[in-house]
Amino acid sequence: MAITGDHYMAEYDGHAIELIRNNWNKTLKLLIDRKEVASASVALPHDVTLTGTLDQHIVTAKSLNKFPFTEDSIEVDGNVLSVTKKK
């Protein structure tokens, strides 16, 4: 986990899906094609699930608390996508 946060990217059927953690303002955001579809406060360590839709598909981003780290993933219709951590 980077000190300022993390930025994960995945692609599904030509669409960009991003999960962005900002440690400065303590937020976690799910973006689809650069549009925010869900967000949550992560001021206190806890498991977070964010959900959005892409056409007829359900997009789910999960951040599981494994203190002091987190385990993040992005799924479409229950299928885990390969994610790339952006620097």
Protein backbone atom coordinates (compact mmCIF):
# COMPACT_ATOMS: atom_id res chain seq x y z
CA MET A 1 0.00 0.00 0.00
CA ALA A 2 1.42 3.38 -0.99
CA ILE A 3 1.50 6.11 1.63
CA THR A 4 -0.90 8.34 -0.36
CA GLY A 5 -3.15 5.51 -1.53
CA ASP A 6 -3.58 2.91 -4.26
CA HIS A 7 -4.97 2.94 -7.79
CA TYR A 8 -6.02 -0.33 -9.43
CA MET A 9 -7.16 -0.65 -13.04
CA ALA A 10 -8.95 -3.41 -14.93
CA GLU A 11 -10.57 -3.67 -18.32
CA TYR A 12 -13.80 -5.44 -19.23
CA ASP A 13 -15.26 -5.56 -22.73
CA GLY A 14 -13.42 -2.35 -23.70
CA HIS A 15 -14.46 -0.44 -20.55
CA ALA A 16 -12.03 0.88 -17.93
CA ILE A 17 -12.79 -0.02 -14.31
CA GLU A 18 -10.79 1.62 -11.53
CA LEU A 19 -10.59 1.26 -7.76
CA ILE A 20 -8.94 4.27 -6.08
CA ARG A 21 -7.98 4.51 -2.43
CA ASN A 22 -7.05 7.99 -1.19
CA ASN A 23 -5.30 7.89 2.18
CA TRP A 24 -5.35 11.68 2.55
CA ASN A 25 -9.14 12.08 2.60
CA LYS A 26 -9.80 8.43 3.62
CA THR A 27 -12.01 7.42 0.69
CA LEU A 28 -12.37 4.46 -1.64
CA LYS A 29 -13.94 5.02 -5.06
CA LEU A 30 -15.14 2.77 -7.88
CA LEU A 31 -14.96 4.35 -11.33
CA ILE A 32 -16.29 2.96 -14.60
CA ASP A 33 -15.07 4.75 -17.72
CA ARG A 34 -13.70 7.55 -15.46
CA LYS A 35 -17.13 8.19 -13.87
CA GLU A 36 -17.55 7.61 -10.15
CA VAL A 37 -20.28 5.03 -9.54
CA ALA A 38 -19.72 4.29 -5.83
CA SER A 39 -17.62 5.48 -2.92
CA ALA A 40 -17.15 4.91 0.79
CA SER A 41 -15.29 6.36 3.73
CA VAL A 42 -12.40 4.27 4.99
CA ALA A 43 -11.46 6.43 7.97
CA LEU A 44 -11.48 3.32 10.16
CA PRO A 45 -10.15 -0.04 8.93
CA HIS A 46 -13.02 -2.27 7.78
CA ASP A 47 -14.10 -4.41 4.83
CA VAL A 48 -15.72 -2.41 2.01
CA THR A 49 -17.76 -3.57 -0.99
CA LEU A 50 -18.62 -1.08 -3.72
CA THR A 51 -21.11 -1.94 -6.46
CA GLY A 52 -21.93 -0.40 -9.82
CA THR A 53 -23.40 -1.42 -13.15
CA LEU A 54 -21.87 -1.64 -16.60
CA ASP A 55 -24.49 -2.21 -19.27
CA GLN A 56 -26.27 -5.34 -17.94
CA HIS A 57 -23.35 -6.41 -15.73
CA ILE A 58 -22.79 -6.00 -11.99
CA VAL A 59 -19.36 -4.60 -11.11
CA THR A 60 -18.16 -5.24 -7.56
CA ALA A 61 -15.00 -3.88 -5.97
CA LYS A 62 -13.93 -5.39 -2.67
CA SER A 63 -11.39 -4.14 -0.18
CA LEU A 64 -10.80 -6.63 2.59
CA ASN A 65 -9.04 -5.42 5.72
CA LYS A 66 -5.94 -7.51 6.52
CA PHE A 67 -4.50 -5.00 8.99
CA PRO A 68 -2.13 -3.29 8.38
CA PHE A 69 -2.75 -4.09 4.68
CA THR A 70 -5.78 -4.51 2.43
CA GLU A 71 -6.63 -7.10 -0.21
CA ASP A 72 -8.40 -5.42 -3.15
CA SER A 73 -10.22 -7.00 -6.08
CA ILE A 74 -12.60 -6.11 -8.91
CA GLU A 75 -15.28 -8.50 -10.18
CA VAL A 76 -17.81 -8.44 -13.01
CA ASP A 77 -20.80 -10.74 -12.50
CA GLY A 78 -18.80 -12.65 -9.86
CA ASN A 79 -15.76 -13.23 -12.10
CA VAL A 80 -12.56 -11.74 -10.69
CA LEU A 81 -10.72 -9.51 -13.18
CA SER A 82 -6.99 -9.21 -13.55
CA VAL A 83 -6.01 -5.83 -12.10
CA THR A 84 -2.98 -3.66 -12.67
CA LYS A 85 -1.66 -1.40 -9.95
CA LYS A 86 -1.03 2.06 -11.37
CA LYS A 87 1.85 4.06 -9.94
